[in-house]
């Protein structure tokens, strides 16, 4: 057990990644980096992290901003509930980041892994982190066949990680094992020939490295069909904020007709849902701009169609919608799907 930690720390000292959030013991900056990296690769998250902490350098600046501005800085990262949790937690802190594990764990959007990461990296507390990289390294090296997405598997790997943790250097150990999984013990084509732990790896000895970690659940992906109505009223268009507890809550989008099944465009254009956007007596220009645009989320496949409706500039406002100048529409935080549409057509 001790040799495992020693080899890992020796490897990390030579090959560990140099990342901006590792240059500070500021728990706020470590918190921001960990929330960004929950569902985001380091390469993608880096630029977002730098922009975010430049605009919101501490708890107070984040808490005093508007939710819309925070969402705009998060635009493109996905999993927008993370930004909402950050904002909620910043308000709860009242300007002071908590200094205990219990206080950090109680923050909105912070689970066991994130609390362990923040407390070990910022305060050198002896809490082991367990993320996808750690799961992969430990299940391969020790030949753990218990599914990591089961309660028993989470408990087994978590207890093992805590046992292995270097109590003298918990922050370095946690960073080391995560980097090891990200750089050497990768999901596909791991670099076993360069691995300092290869001699004791059970998965390698069984020639079954890519069979670990074992999982018992498969993600069910559902199809959703989005029909967006791009109203062009002179120099204005209409957008609305998603409010329900669904994807993209708090982001803005074009007026939407949604279905669980495909709707023929001709049928949609003659429906009551579409007629809502046309005032009595108006003869708008209508055309299909894009059809069958596929947008993949983790548990959903979106199939989007964009329909342009040209109305007079004096067209009335619609309930729950903002009438905004086209030139200002990109100042609002929108999903990547809508951003791509704006880039192409505005």
C-alpha atoms as a PDB file:
ATOM      1  CA  UNK A   1       0.000   0.000   0.000  1.00  0.00           C
ATOM      2  CA  UNK A   2       2.741   2.456   0.980  1.00  0.00           C
ATOM      3  CA  UNK A   3       4.732   1.600  -2.140  1.00  0.00           C
ATOM      4  CA  UNK A   4       1.684   2.491  -4.279  1.00  0.00           C
ATOM      5  CA  UNK A   5       1.589   6.023  -2.824  1.00  0.00           C
ATOM      6  CA  UNK A   6       5.371   6.428  -3.046  1.00  0.00           C
ATOM      7  CA  UNK A   7       5.526   5.431  -6.728  1.00  0.00           C
ATOM      8  CA  UNK A   8       2.563   7.650  -7.528  1.00  0.00           C
ATOM      9  CA  UNK A   9       4.026  10.712  -5.797  1.00  0.00           C
ATOM     10  CA  UNK A  10       7.406  10.177  -7.454  1.00  0.00           C
ATOM     11  CA  UNK A  11       5.740  10.010 -10.873  1.00  0.00           C
ATOM     12  CA  UNK A  12       3.655  13.129 -10.111  1.00  0.00           C
ATOM     13  CA  UNK A  13       6.685  15.161  -9.089  1.00  0.00           C
ATOM     14  CA  UNK A  14       8.150  14.618 -12.570  1.00  0.00           C
ATOM     15  CA  UNK A  15       5.085  14.458 -14.812  1.00  0.00           C
ATOM     16  CA  UNK A  16       2.211  16.229 -13.013  1.00  0.00           C
ATOM     17  CA  UNK A  17       0.273  18.864 -14.943  1.00  0.00           C
ATOM     18  CA  UNK A  18       0.885  22.568 -14.308  1.00  0.00           C
ATOM     19  CA  UNK A  19      -2.586  24.069 -13.958  1.00  0.00           C
ATOM     20  CA  UNK A  20      -3.481  27.628 -12.874  1.00  0.00           C
ATOM     21  CA  UNK A  21      -5.710  26.587  -9.967  1.00  0.00           C
ATOM     22  CA  UNK A  22      -2.813  24.573  -8.532  1.00  0.00           C
ATOM     23  CA  UNK A  23      -0.769  27.738  -8.151  1.00  0.00           C
ATOM     24  CA  UNK A  24      -3.003  28.921  -5.316  1.00  0.00           C
ATOM     25  CA  UNK A  25      -4.319  27.627  -2.015  1.00  0.00           C
ATOM     26  CA  UNK A  26      -7.301  29.976  -2.329  1.00  0.00           C
ATOM     27  CA  UNK A  27     -10.331  27.741  -1.619  1.00  0.00           C
ATOM     28  CA  UNK A  28     -12.551  29.993  -3.756  1.00  0.00           C
ATOM     29  CA  UNK A  29     -10.446  29.480  -6.899  1.00  0.00           C
ATOM     30  CA  UNK A  30     -10.088  25.772  -6.210  1.00  0.00           C
ATOM     31  CA  UNK A  31     -13.873  25.563  -5.786  1.00  0.00           C
ATOM     32  CA  UNK A  32     -14.484  27.303  -9.121  1.00  0.00           C
ATOM     33  CA  UNK A  33     -12.033  24.977 -10.895  1.00  0.00           C
ATOM     34  CA  UNK A  34     -13.554  21.855  -9.369  1.00  0.00           C
ATOM     35  CA  UNK A  35     -17.110  22.835 -10.310  1.00  0.00           C
ATOM     36  CA  UNK A  36     -16.007  23.593 -13.890  1.00  0.00           C
ATOM     37  CA  UNK A  37     -14.144  20.284 -14.142  1.00  0.00           C
ATOM     38  CA  UNK A  38     -17.053  18.196 -12.830  1.00  0.00           C
ATOM     39  CA  UNK A  39     -18.330  17.618 -16.363  1.00  0.00           C
ATOM     40  CA  UNK A  40     -15.654  19.301 -18.474  1.00  0.00           C
ATOM     41  CA  UNK A  41     -12.237  18.302 -19.810  1.00  0.00           C
ATOM     42  CA  UNK A  42      -9.284  20.322 -18.533  1.00  0.00           C
ATOM     43  CA  UNK A  43      -8.461  21.537 -22.048  1.00  0.00           C
ATOM     44  CA  UNK A  44     -11.932  23.007 -22.507  1.00  0.00           C
ATOM     45  CA  UNK A  45     -12.364  24.254 -18.951  1.00  0.00           C
ATOM     46  CA  UNK A  46      -9.084  26.172 -18.744  1.00  0.00           C
ATOM     47  CA  UNK A  47     -10.201  29.235 -20.731  1.00  0.00           C
ATOM     48  CA  UNK A  48     -13.545  29.333 -18.923  1.00  0.00           C
ATOM     49  CA  UNK A  49     -11.809  29.200 -15.547  1.00  0.00           C
ATOM     50  CA  UNK A  50      -9.459  32.070 -16.399  1.00  0.00           C
ATOM     51  CA  UNK A  51     -12.284  34.275 -17.697  1.00  0.00           C
ATOM     52  CA  UNK A  52     -14.521  33.432 -14.751  1.00  0.00           C
ATOM     53  CA  UNK A  53     -12.030  34.236 -11.982  1.00  0.00           C
ATOM     54  CA  UNK A  54     -10.914  37.396 -13.770  1.00  0.00           C
ATOM     55  CA  UNK A  55     -14.485  38.708 -13.711  1.00  0.00           C
ATOM     56  CA  UNK A  56     -15.431  37.141 -10.342  1.00  0.00           C
ATOM     57  CA  UNK A  57     -12.161  37.007  -8.341  1.00  0.00           C
ATOM     58  CA  UNK A  58     -13.776  36.232  -4.983  1.00  0.00           C
ATOM     59  CA  UNK A  59     -16.969  35.191  -3.242  1.00  0.00           C
ATOM     60  CA  UNK A  60     -18.264  38.754  -2.861  1.00  0.00           C
ATOM     61  CA  UNK A  61     -17.894  39.659  -6.545  1.00  0.00           C
ATOM     62  CA  UNK A  62     -19.735  36.481  -7.554  1.00  0.00           C
ATOM     63  CA  UNK A  63     -22.541  37.069  -5.077  1.00  0.00           C
ATOM     64  CA  UNK A  64     -23.009  40.694  -6.144  1.00  0.00           C
ATOM     65  CA  UNK A  65     -23.309  39.868  -9.864  1.00  0.00           C
ATOM     66  CA  UNK A  66     -26.605  39.106 -11.586  1.00  0.00           C
ATOM     67  CA  UNK A  67     -27.600  35.530 -12.341  1.00  0.00           C
ATOM     68  CA  UNK A  68     -27.852  36.415 -16.031  1.00  0.00           C
ATOM     69  CA  UNK A  69     -24.252  37.638 -16.091  1.00  0.00           C
ATOM     70  CA  UNK A  70     -22.981  34.501 -14.352  1.00  0.00           C
ATOM     71  CA  UNK A  71     -24.852  32.342 -16.856  1.00  0.00           C
ATOM     72  CA  UNK A  72     -23.352  34.338 -19.732  1.00  0.00           C
ATOM     73  CA  UNK A  73     -19.843  33.613 -18.459  1.00  0.00           C
ATOM     74  CA  UNK A  74     -20.809  29.930 -18.202  1.00  0.00           C
ATOM     75  CA  UNK A  75     -22.285  29.842 -21.724  1.00  0.00           C
ATOM     76  CA  UNK A  76     -20.978  26.897 -23.732  1.00  0.00           C
ATOM     77  CA  UNK A  77     -19.851  24.795 -20.763  1.00  0.00           C
ATOM     78  CA  UNK A  78     -23.125  22.919 -20.432  1.00  0.00           C
ATOM     79  CA  UNK A  79     -24.593  21.415 -17.256  1.00  0.00           C
ATOM     80  CA  UNK A  80     -25.840  24.869 -16.318  1.00  0.00           C
ATOM     81  CA  UNK A  81     -27.096  23.763 -12.922  1.00  0.00           C
ATOM     82  CA  UNK A  82     -23.437  24.064 -11.888  1.00  0.00           C
ATOM     83  CA  UNK A  83     -23.518  27.825 -12.450  1.00  0.00           C
ATOM     84  CA  UNK A  84     -26.792  28.156 -10.569  1.00  0.00           C
ATOM     85  CA  UNK A  85     -25.336  26.226  -7.626  1.00  0.00           C
ATOM     86  CA  UNK A  86     -22.221  28.436  -7.629  1.00  0.00           C
ATOM     87  CA  UNK A  87     -24.371  31.545  -7.470  1.00  0.00           C
ATOM     88  CA  UNK A  88     -26.568  30.131  -4.717  1.00  0.00           C
ATOM     89  CA  UNK A  89     -23.546  29.015  -2.679  1.00  0.00           C
ATOM     90  CA  UNK A  90     -21.819  32.393  -3.057  1.00  0.00           C
ATOM     91  CA  UNK A  91     -24.854  34.103  -1.535  1.00  0.00           C
ATOM     92  CA  UNK A  92     -24.956  31.606   1.327  1.00  0.00           C
ATOM     93  CA  UNK A  93     -21.274  32.201   2.238  1.00  0.00           C
ATOM     94  CA  UNK A  94     -21.781  35.902   3.039  1.00  0.00           C
ATOM     95  CA  UNK A  95     -18.320  36.762   1.748  1.00  0.00           C
ATOM     96  CA  UNK A  96     -16.345  34.091   3.633  1.00  0.00           C
ATOM     97  CA  UNK A  97     -15.450  30.681   2.199  1.00  0.00           C
ATOM     98  CA  UNK A  98     -15.978  27.892   4.795  1.00  0.00           C
ATOM     99  CA  UNK A  99     -12.875  26.360   6.376  1.00  0.00           C
ATOM    100  CA  UNK A 100     -14.270  23.013   7.574  1.00  0.00           C
ATOM    101  CA  UNK A 101     -15.132  19.896   5.581  1.00  0.00           C
ATOM    102  CA  UNK A 102     -18.695  20.033   6.891  1.00  0.00           C
ATOM    103  CA  UNK A 103     -19.043  23.666   5.839  1.00  0.00           C
ATOM    104  CA  UNK A 104     -17.688  23.003   2.349  1.00  0.00           C
ATOM    105  CA  UNK A 105     -19.813  19.857   1.930  1.00  0.00           C
ATOM    106  CA  UNK A 106     -22.939  21.841   2.823  1.00  0.00           C
ATOM    107  CA  UNK A 107     -22.488  24.252  -0.099  1.00  0.00           C
ATOM    108  CA  UNK A 108     -25.041  23.999  -2.891  1.00  0.00           C
ATOM    109  CA  UNK A 109     -23.801  21.703  -5.667  1.00  0.00           C
ATOM    110  CA  UNK A 110     -20.906  20.260  -3.628  1.00  0.00           C
ATOM    111  CA  UNK A 111     -20.780  16.487  -3.170  1.00  0.00           C
ATOM    112  CA  UNK A 112     -18.334  14.182  -1.429  1.00  0.00           C
ATOM    113  CA  UNK A 113     -15.749  14.327  -4.215  1.00  0.00           C
ATOM    114  CA  UNK A 114     -15.757  18.115  -4.571  1.00  0.00           C
ATOM    115  CA  UNK A 115     -15.643  18.676  -0.808  1.00  0.00           C
ATOM    116  CA  UNK A 116     -12.680  16.277  -0.501  1.00  0.00           C
ATOM    117  CA  UNK A 117     -10.878  17.989  -3.385  1.00  0.00           C
ATOM    118  CA  UNK A 118     -11.337  21.508  -2.002  1.00  0.00           C
ATOM    119  CA  UNK A 119     -10.391  20.576   1.553  1.00  0.00           C
ATOM    120  CA  UNK A 120      -7.305  18.610   0.556  1.00  0.00           C
ATOM    121  CA  UNK A 121      -6.040  21.100  -2.048  1.00  0.00           C
ATOM    122  CA  UNK A 122      -6.770  24.262  -0.041  1.00  0.00           C
ATOM    123  CA  UNK A 123      -6.340  23.097   3.546  1.00  0.00           C
ATOM    124  CA  UNK A 124      -4.293  19.851   3.258  1.00  0.00           C
ATOM    125  CA  UNK A 125      -7.047  17.916   5.002  1.00  0.00           C
ATOM    126  CA  UNK A 126      -6.738  14.094   4.669  1.00  0.00           C
ATOM    127  CA  UNK A 127      -9.762  13.413   2.473  1.00  0.00           C
ATOM    128  CA  UNK A 128      -9.354  11.131  -0.556  1.00  0.00           C
ATOM    129  CA  UNK A 129     -10.944  12.173  -3.838  1.00  0.00           C
ATOM    130  CA  UNK A 130     -12.735   9.636  -6.000  1.00  0.00           C
ATOM    131  CA  UNK A 131     -13.562  10.701  -9.564  1.00  0.00           C
ATOM    132  CA  UNK A 132     -13.588   8.806 -12.862  1.00  0.00           C
ATOM    133  CA  UNK A 133      -9.803   8.827 -13.069  1.00  0.00           C
ATOM    134  CA  UNK A 134      -9.403   7.470  -9.548  1.00  0.00           C
ATOM    135  CA  UNK A 135     -12.018   4.785 -10.164  1.00  0.00           C
ATOM    136  CA  UNK A 136     -10.145   3.644 -13.242  1.00  0.00           C
ATOM    137  CA  UNK A 137      -6.687   3.567 -11.645  1.00  0.00           C
ATOM    138  CA  UNK A 138      -7.769   1.729  -8.505  1.00  0.00           C
ATOM    139  CA  UNK A 139     -10.090  -0.826 -10.116  1.00  0.00           C
ATOM    140  CA  UNK A 140      -7.418  -1.717 -12.675  1.00  0.00           C
ATOM    141  CA  UNK A 141      -4.497  -1.921 -10.262  1.00  0.00           C
ATOM    142  CA  UNK A 142      -6.367  -3.899  -7.601  1.00  0.00           C
ATOM    143  CA  UNK A 143      -8.617  -5.859  -9.997  1.00  0.00           C
ATOM    144  CA  UNK A 144     -11.861  -4.624  -8.425  1.00  0.00           C
ATOM    145  CA  UNK A 145     -14.800  -6.152 -10.294  1.00  0.00           C
ATOM    146  CA  UNK A 146     -17.578  -4.587  -8.202  1.00  0.00           C
ATOM    147  CA  UNK A 147     -19.452  -2.138 -10.471  1.00  0.00           C
ATOM    148  CA  UNK A 148     -18.319   1.391  -9.640  1.00  0.00           C
ATOM    149  CA  UNK A 149     -21.805   2.768 -10.295  1.00  0.00           C
ATOM    150  CA  UNK A 150     -23.284   0.590  -7.526  1.00  0.00           C
ATOM    151  CA  UNK A 151     -23.468   1.541  -3.857  1.00  0.00           C
ATOM    152  CA  UNK A 152     -21.145  -1.339  -2.943  1.00  0.00           C
ATOM    153  CA  UNK A 153     -18.625  -0.330  -5.623  1.00  0.00           C
ATOM    154  CA  UNK A 154     -18.589   3.323  -4.548  1.00  0.00           C
ATOM    155  CA  UNK A 155     -18.072   2.268  -0.947  1.00  0.00           C
ATOM    156  CA  UNK A 156     -15.296  -0.206  -1.807  1.00  0.00           C
ATOM    157  CA  UNK A 157     -13.306   2.217  -3.957  1.00  0.00           C
ATOM    158  CA  UNK A 158     -13.881   5.098  -1.548  1.00  0.00           C
ATOM    159  CA  UNK A 159     -12.572   3.143   1.423  1.00  0.00           C
ATOM    160  CA  UNK A 160      -9.573   1.923  -0.568  1.00  0.00           C
ATOM    161  CA  UNK A 161      -8.725   5.461  -1.721  1.00  0.00           C
ATOM    162  CA  UNK A 162      -8.873   6.706   1.867  1.00  0.00           C
ATOM    163  CA  UNK A 163      -6.589   3.851   3.011  1.00  0.00           C
ATOM    164  CA  UNK A 164      -4.044   4.608   0.284  1.00  0.00           C
ATOM    165  CA  UNK A 165      -4.087   8.376   0.844  1.00  0.00           C
ATOM    166  CA  UNK A 166      -0.784   9.866   1.930  1.00  0.00           C
ATOM    167  CA  UNK A 167      -1.588  11.515   5.251  1.00  0.00           C
ATOM    168  CA  UNK A 168       1.606  13.603   4.977  1.00  0.00           C
ATOM    169  CA  UNK A 169       0.833  14.873   1.458  1.00  0.00           C
ATOM    170  CA  UNK A 170      -2.931  14.473   0.835  1.00  0.00           C
ATOM    171  CA  UNK A 171      -3.158  17.274  -1.736  1.00  0.00           C
ATOM    172  CA  UNK A 172      -0.242  15.957  -3.811  1.00  0.00           C
ATOM    173  CA  UNK A 173      -1.548  12.384  -3.593  1.00  0.00           C
ATOM    174  CA  UNK A 174      -5.020  13.380  -4.795  1.00  0.00           C
ATOM    175  CA  UNK A 175      -3.600  15.458  -7.644  1.00  0.00           C
ATOM    176  CA  UNK A 176      -1.200  12.649  -8.529  1.00  0.00           C
ATOM    177  CA  UNK A 177      -3.767   9.887  -8.841  1.00  0.00           C
ATOM    178  CA  UNK A 178      -6.094  12.095 -10.916  1.00  0.00           C
ATOM    179  CA  UNK A 179      -3.269  13.118 -13.258  1.00  0.00           C
ATOM    180  CA  UNK A 180      -2.153   9.504 -13.473  1.00  0.00           C
ATOM    181  CA  UNK A 181      -5.606   8.503 -14.714  1.00  0.00           C
ATOM    182  CA  UNK A 182      -5.805  11.443 -17.100  1.00  0.00           C
ATOM    183  CA  UNK A 183      -2.331  11.016 -18.641  1.00  0.00           C
ATOM    184  CA  UNK A 184      -1.313   7.348 -18.332  1.00  0.00           C
ATOM    185  CA  UNK A 185      -4.172   5.127 -17.178  1.00  0.00           C
ATOM    186  CA  UNK A 186      -6.584   6.465 -19.790  1.00  0.00           C
ATOM    187  CA  UNK A 187      -9.959   4.894 -20.698  1.00  0.00           C
ATOM    188  CA  UNK A 188      -8.723   3.774 -24.116  1.00  0.00           C
ATOM    189  CA  UNK A 189      -5.197   2.740 -25.100  1.00  0.00           C
ATOM    190  CA  UNK A 190      -3.613   3.300 -21.677  1.00  0.00           C
ATOM    191  CA  UNK A 191       0.166   3.752 -21.694  1.00  0.00           C
ATOM    192  CA  UNK A 192       0.945   0.606 -19.702  1.00  0.00           C
ATOM    193  CA  UNK A 193       4.480   0.486 -21.149  1.00  0.00           C
ATOM    194  CA  UNK A 194       5.269   3.774 -19.328  1.00  0.00           C
ATOM    195  CA  UNK A 195       3.444   2.917 -16.094  1.00  0.00           C
ATOM    196  CA  UNK A 196       5.542   2.770 -12.890  1.00  0.00           C
ATOM    197  CA  UNK A 197       2.762   0.665 -11.308  1.00  0.00           C
ATOM    198  CA  UNK A 198       2.633  -1.928 -14.107  1.00  0.00           C
ATOM    199  CA  UNK A 199       4.434  -4.600 -12.096  1.00  0.00           C
ATOM    200  CA  UNK A 200       1.602  -4.839  -9.565  1.00  0.00           C
ATOM    201  CA  UNK A 201      -1.394  -4.134 -11.819  1.00  0.00           C
ATOM    202  CA  UNK A 202      -3.908  -7.009 -11.738  1.00  0.00           C
ATOM    203  CA  UNK A 203      -5.795  -5.819 -14.811  1.00  0.00           C
ATOM    204  CA  UNK A 204      -2.567  -5.783 -16.823  1.00  0.00           C
ATOM    205  CA  UNK A 205      -1.572  -9.231 -15.602  1.00  0.00           C
ATOM    206  CA  UNK A 206      -5.017 -10.487 -16.713  1.00  0.00           C
ATOM    207  CA  UNK A 207      -4.629  -8.665 -20.066  1.00  0.00           C
ATOM    208  CA  UNK A 208      -7.987  -7.050 -19.363  1.00  0.00           C
ATOM    209  CA  UNK A 209      -7.055  -3.411 -18.717  1.00  0.00           C
ATOM    210  CA  UNK A 210      -9.873  -1.916 -20.784  1.00  0.00           C
ATOM    211  CA  UNK A 211     -12.454  -4.102 -19.023  1.00  0.00           C
ATOM    212  CA  UNK A 212     -12.109  -1.932 -15.912  1.00  0.00           C
ATOM    213  CA  UNK A 213     -13.858  -0.185 -14.292  1.00  0.00           C
ATOM    214  CA  UNK A 214     -16.935  -2.408 -14.391  1.00  0.00           C
ATOM    215  CA  UNK A 215     -20.304  -0.651 -14.666  1.00  0.00           C
ATOM    216  CA  UNK A 216     -23.791  -2.106 -14.330  1.00  0.00           C
ATOM    217  CA  UNK A 217     -25.947   0.718 -15.598  1.00  0.00           C
ATOM    218  CA  UNK A 218     -26.253   2.045 -19.108  1.00  0.00           C
ATOM    219  CA  UNK A 219     -27.399   5.597 -19.706  1.00  0.00           C
ATOM    220  CA  UNK A 220     -30.789   5.752 -21.398  1.00  0.00           C
ATOM    221  CA  UNK A 221     -30.862   8.410 -24.095  1.00  0.00           C
ATOM    222  CA  UNK A 222     -34.200   9.981 -25.048  1.00  0.00           C
ATOM    223  CA  UNK A 223     -35.110  11.904 -28.202  1.00  0.00           C
ATOM    224  CA  UNK A 224     -36.709  15.347 -28.031  1.00  0.00           C
ATOM    225  CA  UNK A 225     -37.878  17.439 -30.972  1.00  0.00           C
ATOM    226  CA  UNK A 226     -37.471  21.217 -30.769  1.00  0.00           C
ATOM    227  CA  UNK A 227     -39.151  23.536 -33.265  1.00  0.00           C
ATOM    228  CA  UNK A 228     -37.756  27.030 -32.793  1.00  0.00           C
ATOM    229  CA  UNK A 229     -39.534  30.080 -34.127  1.00  0.00           C
ATOM    230  CA  UNK A 230     -37.156  32.846 -35.094  1.00  0.00           C
ATOM    231  CA  UNK A 231     -39.353  35.932 -35.257  1.00  0.00           C
ATOM    232  CA  UNK A 232     -37.737  38.732 -37.217  1.00  0.00           C
ATOM    233  CA  UNK A 233     -39.638  41.961 -36.652  1.00  0.00           C
ATOM    234  CA  UNK A 234     -37.538  44.613 -38.343  1.00  0.00           C
ATOM    235  CA  UNK A 235     -34.433  44.993 -36.181  1.00  0.00           C
ATOM    236  CA  UNK A 236     -36.005  43.005 -33.332  1.00  0.00           C
ATOM    237  CA  UNK A 237     -36.517  39.386 -32.412  1.00  0.00           C
ATOM    238  CA  UNK A 238     -38.090  37.545 -29.481  1.00  0.00           C
ATOM    239  CA  UNK A 239     -36.435  35.391 -26.836  1.00  0.00           C
ATOM    240  CA  UNK A 240     -37.571  33.903 -23.552  1.00  0.00           C
ATOM    241  CA  UNK A 241     -35.893  32.459 -20.472  1.00  0.00           C
ATOM    242  CA  UNK A 242     -36.279  28.765 -19.662  1.00  0.00           C
ATOM    243  CA  UNK A 243     -37.740  28.555 -16.153  1.00  0.00           C
ATOM    244  CA  UNK A 244     -38.717  24.921 -15.590  1.00  0.00           C
ATOM    245  CA  UNK A 245     -36.459  22.387 -13.864  1.00  0.00           C
ATOM    246  CA  UNK A 246     -35.210  21.005 -17.139  1.00  0.00           C
ATOM    247  CA  UNK A 247     -32.185  21.405 -19.378  1.00  0.00           C
ATOM    248  CA  UNK A 248     -30.846  24.952 -19.743  1.00  0.00           C
ATOM    249  CA  UNK A 249     -32.815  26.436 -16.854  1.00  0.00           C
ATOM    250  CA  UNK A 250     -32.026  30.142 -16.644  1.00  0.00           C
ATOM    251  CA  UNK A 251     -30.800  30.415 -20.251  1.00  0.00           C
ATOM    252  CA  UNK A 252     -32.529  32.283 -23.060  1.00  0.00           C
ATOM    253  CA  UNK A 253     -33.736  30.743 -26.287  1.00  0.00           C
ATOM    254  CA  UNK A 254     -36.048  31.418 -29.205  1.00  0.00           C
ATOM    255  CA  UNK A 255     -39.771  30.719 -28.826  1.00  0.00           C
ATOM    256  CA  UNK A 256     -40.191  26.961 -28.832  1.00  0.00           C
ATOM    257  CA  UNK A 257     -42.689  24.272 -29.747  1.00  0.00           C
ATOM    258  CA  UNK A 258     -41.511  20.949 -28.320  1.00  0.00           C
ATOM    259  CA  UNK A 259     -42.632  17.402 -29.052  1.00  0.00           C
ATOM    260  CA  UNK A 260     -41.620  13.883 -28.076  1.00  0.00           C
ATOM    261  CA  UNK A 261     -42.206  12.820 -31.675  1.00  0.00           C
ATOM    262  CA  UNK A 262     -41.292  14.419 -35.020  1.00  0.00           C
ATOM    263  CA  UNK A 263     -43.923  16.824 -36.368  1.00  0.00           C
ATOM    264  CA  UNK A 264     -44.191  17.338 -40.141  1.00  0.00           C
ATOM    265  CA  UNK A 265     -43.380  20.998 -40.782  1.00  0.00           C
ATOM    266  CA  UNK A 266     -46.597  21.504 -42.754  1.00  0.00           C
ATOM    267  CA  UNK A 267     -48.585  20.248 -39.761  1.00  0.00           C
ATOM    268  CA  UNK A 268     -46.666  22.497 -37.381  1.00  0.00           C
ATOM    269  CA  UNK A 269     -47.289  25.589 -39.529  1.00  0.00           C
ATOM    270  CA  UNK A 270     -51.044  24.974 -39.397  1.00  0.00           C
ATOM    271  CA  UNK A 271     -51.132  24.216 -35.655  1.00  0.00           C
ATOM    272  CA  UNK A 272     -52.525  26.391 -32.882  1.00  0.00           C
ATOM    273  CA  UNK A 273     -49.088  26.471 -31.249  1.00  0.00           C
ATOM    274  CA  UNK A 274     -47.621  28.137 -34.320  1.00  0.00           C
ATOM    275  CA  UNK A 275     -50.628  30.408 -34.878  1.00  0.00           C
ATOM    276  CA  UNK A 276     -49.938  31.933 -31.451  1.00  0.00           C
ATOM    277  CA  UNK A 277     -47.127  33.918 -33.062  1.00  0.00           C
ATOM    278  CA  UNK A 278     -49.275  35.362 -35.843  1.00  0.00           C
ATOM    279  CA  UNK A 279     -51.655  38.252 -35.188  1.00  0.00           C
ATOM    280  CA  UNK A 280     -55.057  38.250 -36.830  1.00  0.00           C
ATOM    281  CA  UNK A 281     -54.865  39.571 -40.375  1.00  0.00           C
ATOM    282  CA  UNK A 282     -51.065  39.342 -40.610  1.00  0.00           C
ATOM    283  CA  UNK A 283     -49.549  37.683 -43.653  1.00  0.00           C
ATOM    284  CA  UNK A 284     -46.020  36.864 -42.503  1.00  0.00           C
ATOM    285  CA  UNK A 285     -43.184  35.479 -44.552  1.00  0.00           C
ATOM    286  CA  UNK A 286     -42.370  31.999 -43.296  1.00  0.00           C
ATOM    287  CA  UNK A 287     -39.440  29.809 -44.286  1.00  0.00           C
ATOM    288  CA  UNK A 288     -37.489  26.875 -42.927  1.00  0.00           C
ATOM    289  CA  UNK A 289     -33.923  27.956 -42.141  1.00  0.00           C
ATOM    290  CA  UNK A 290     -32.597  24.713 -40.686  1.00  0.00           C
ATOM    291  CA  UNK A 291     -34.125  21.299 -40.291  1.00  0.00           C
ATOM    292  CA  UNK A 292     -32.989  18.129 -38.549  1.00  0.00           C
ATOM    293  CA  UNK A 293     -30.157  19.783 -36.591  1.00  0.00           C
ATOM    294  CA  UNK A 294     -28.892  17.170 -34.112  1.00  0.00           C
ATOM    295  CA  UNK A 295     -27.590  18.322 -30.730  1.00  0.00           C
ATOM    296  CA  UNK A 296     -26.309  15.686 -28.311  1.00  0.00           C
ATOM    297  CA  UNK A 297     -26.573  16.017 -24.536  1.00  0.00           C
ATOM    298  CA  UNK A 298     -25.557  13.366 -22.020  1.00  0.00           C
ATOM    299  CA  UNK A 299     -29.019  11.811 -21.653  1.00  0.00           C
ATOM    300  CA  UNK A 300     -30.889  13.376 -24.551  1.00  0.00           C
ATOM    301  CA  UNK A 301     -30.659  13.768 -28.278  1.00  0.00           C
ATOM    302  CA  UNK A 302     -32.252  16.994 -29.482  1.00  0.00           C
ATOM    303  CA  UNK A 303     -33.531  17.298 -33.052  1.00  0.00           C
ATOM    304  CA  UNK A 304     -34.005  20.976 -33.855  1.00  0.00           C
ATOM    305  CA  UNK A 305     -35.784  22.799 -36.657  1.00  0.00           C
ATOM    306  CA  UNK A 306     -35.536  26.577 -37.027  1.00  0.00           C
ATOM    307  CA  UNK A 307     -38.416  28.421 -38.699  1.00  0.00           C
ATOM    308  CA  UNK A 308     -38.152  32.093 -39.591  1.00  0.00           C
ATOM    309  CA  UNK A 309     -41.251  34.271 -39.332  1.00  0.00           C
ATOM    310  CA  UNK A 310     -40.967  37.835 -40.668  1.00  0.00           C
ATOM    311  CA  UNK A 311     -43.393  40.242 -38.985  1.00  0.00           C
ATOM    312  CA  UNK A 312     -43.762  44.039 -38.950  1.00  0.00           C
ATOM    313  CA  UNK A 313     -41.357  45.865 -36.643  1.00  0.00           C
ATOM    314  CA  UNK A 314     -44.262  47.186 -34.609  1.00  0.00           C
ATOM    315  CA  UNK A 315     -45.436  43.659 -33.798  1.00  0.00           C
ATOM    316  CA  UNK A 316     -46.750  43.382 -30.258  1.00  0.00           C
ATOM    317  CA  UNK A 317     -44.790  41.643 -27.513  1.00  0.00           C
ATOM    318  CA  UNK A 318     -45.752  38.083 -26.676  1.00  0.00           C
ATOM    319  CA  UNK A 319     -46.348  36.762 -23.188  1.00  0.00           C
ATOM    320  CA  UNK A 320     -43.209  35.456 -21.432  1.00  0.00           C
ATOM    321  CA  UNK A 321     -41.019  36.795 -24.248  1.00  0.00           C
ATOM    322  CA  UNK A 322     -38.580  39.678 -24.481  1.00  0.00           C
ATOM    323  CA  UNK A 323     -38.531  41.811 -27.605  1.00  0.00           C
ATOM    324  CA  UNK A 324     -34.849  42.592 -28.100  1.00  0.00           C
ATOM    325  CA  UNK A 325     -32.786  44.237 -30.837  1.00  0.00           C
ATOM    326  CA  UNK A 326     -31.006  41.675 -33.003  1.00  0.00           C
ATOM    327  CA  UNK A 327     -27.745  43.507 -32.338  1.00  0.00           C
ATOM    328  CA  UNK A 328     -28.090  42.825 -28.603  1.00  0.00           C
ATOM    329  CA  UNK A 329     -29.302  39.249 -28.618  1.00  0.00           C
ATOM    330  CA  UNK A 330     -25.829  37.794 -28.018  1.00  0.00           C
ATOM    331  CA  UNK A 331     -25.548  39.667 -24.726  1.00  0.00           C
ATOM    332  CA  UNK A 332     -27.950  37.084 -23.289  1.00  0.00           C
ATOM    333  CA  UNK A 333     -26.779  33.670 -22.123  1.00  0.00           C
ATOM    334  CA  UNK A 334     -28.039  31.036 -24.561  1.00  0.00           C
ATOM    335  CA  UNK A 335     -27.475  27.296 -25.071  1.00  0.00           C
ATOM    336  CA  UNK A 336     -24.785  26.207 -27.511  1.00  0.00           C
ATOM    337  CA  UNK A 337     -27.480  25.121 -29.972  1.00  0.00           C
ATOM    338  CA  UNK A 338     -28.973  28.631 -30.099  1.00  0.00           C
ATOM    339  CA  UNK A 339     -25.541  30.276 -30.155  1.00  0.00           C
ATOM    340  CA  UNK A 340     -24.621  28.262 -33.256  1.00  0.00           C
ATOM    341  CA  UNK A 341     -27.851  29.408 -34.934  1.00  0.00           C
ATOM    342  CA  UNK A 342     -27.176  33.051 -34.107  1.00  0.00           C
ATOM    343  CA  UNK A 343     -23.628  32.806 -35.451  1.00  0.00           C
ATOM    344  CA  UNK A 344     -24.949  31.515 -38.752  1.00  0.00           C
ATOM    345  CA  UNK A 345     -28.014  33.692 -39.265  1.00  0.00           C
ATOM    346  CA  UNK A 346     -27.486  36.962 -37.385  1.00  0.00           C
END
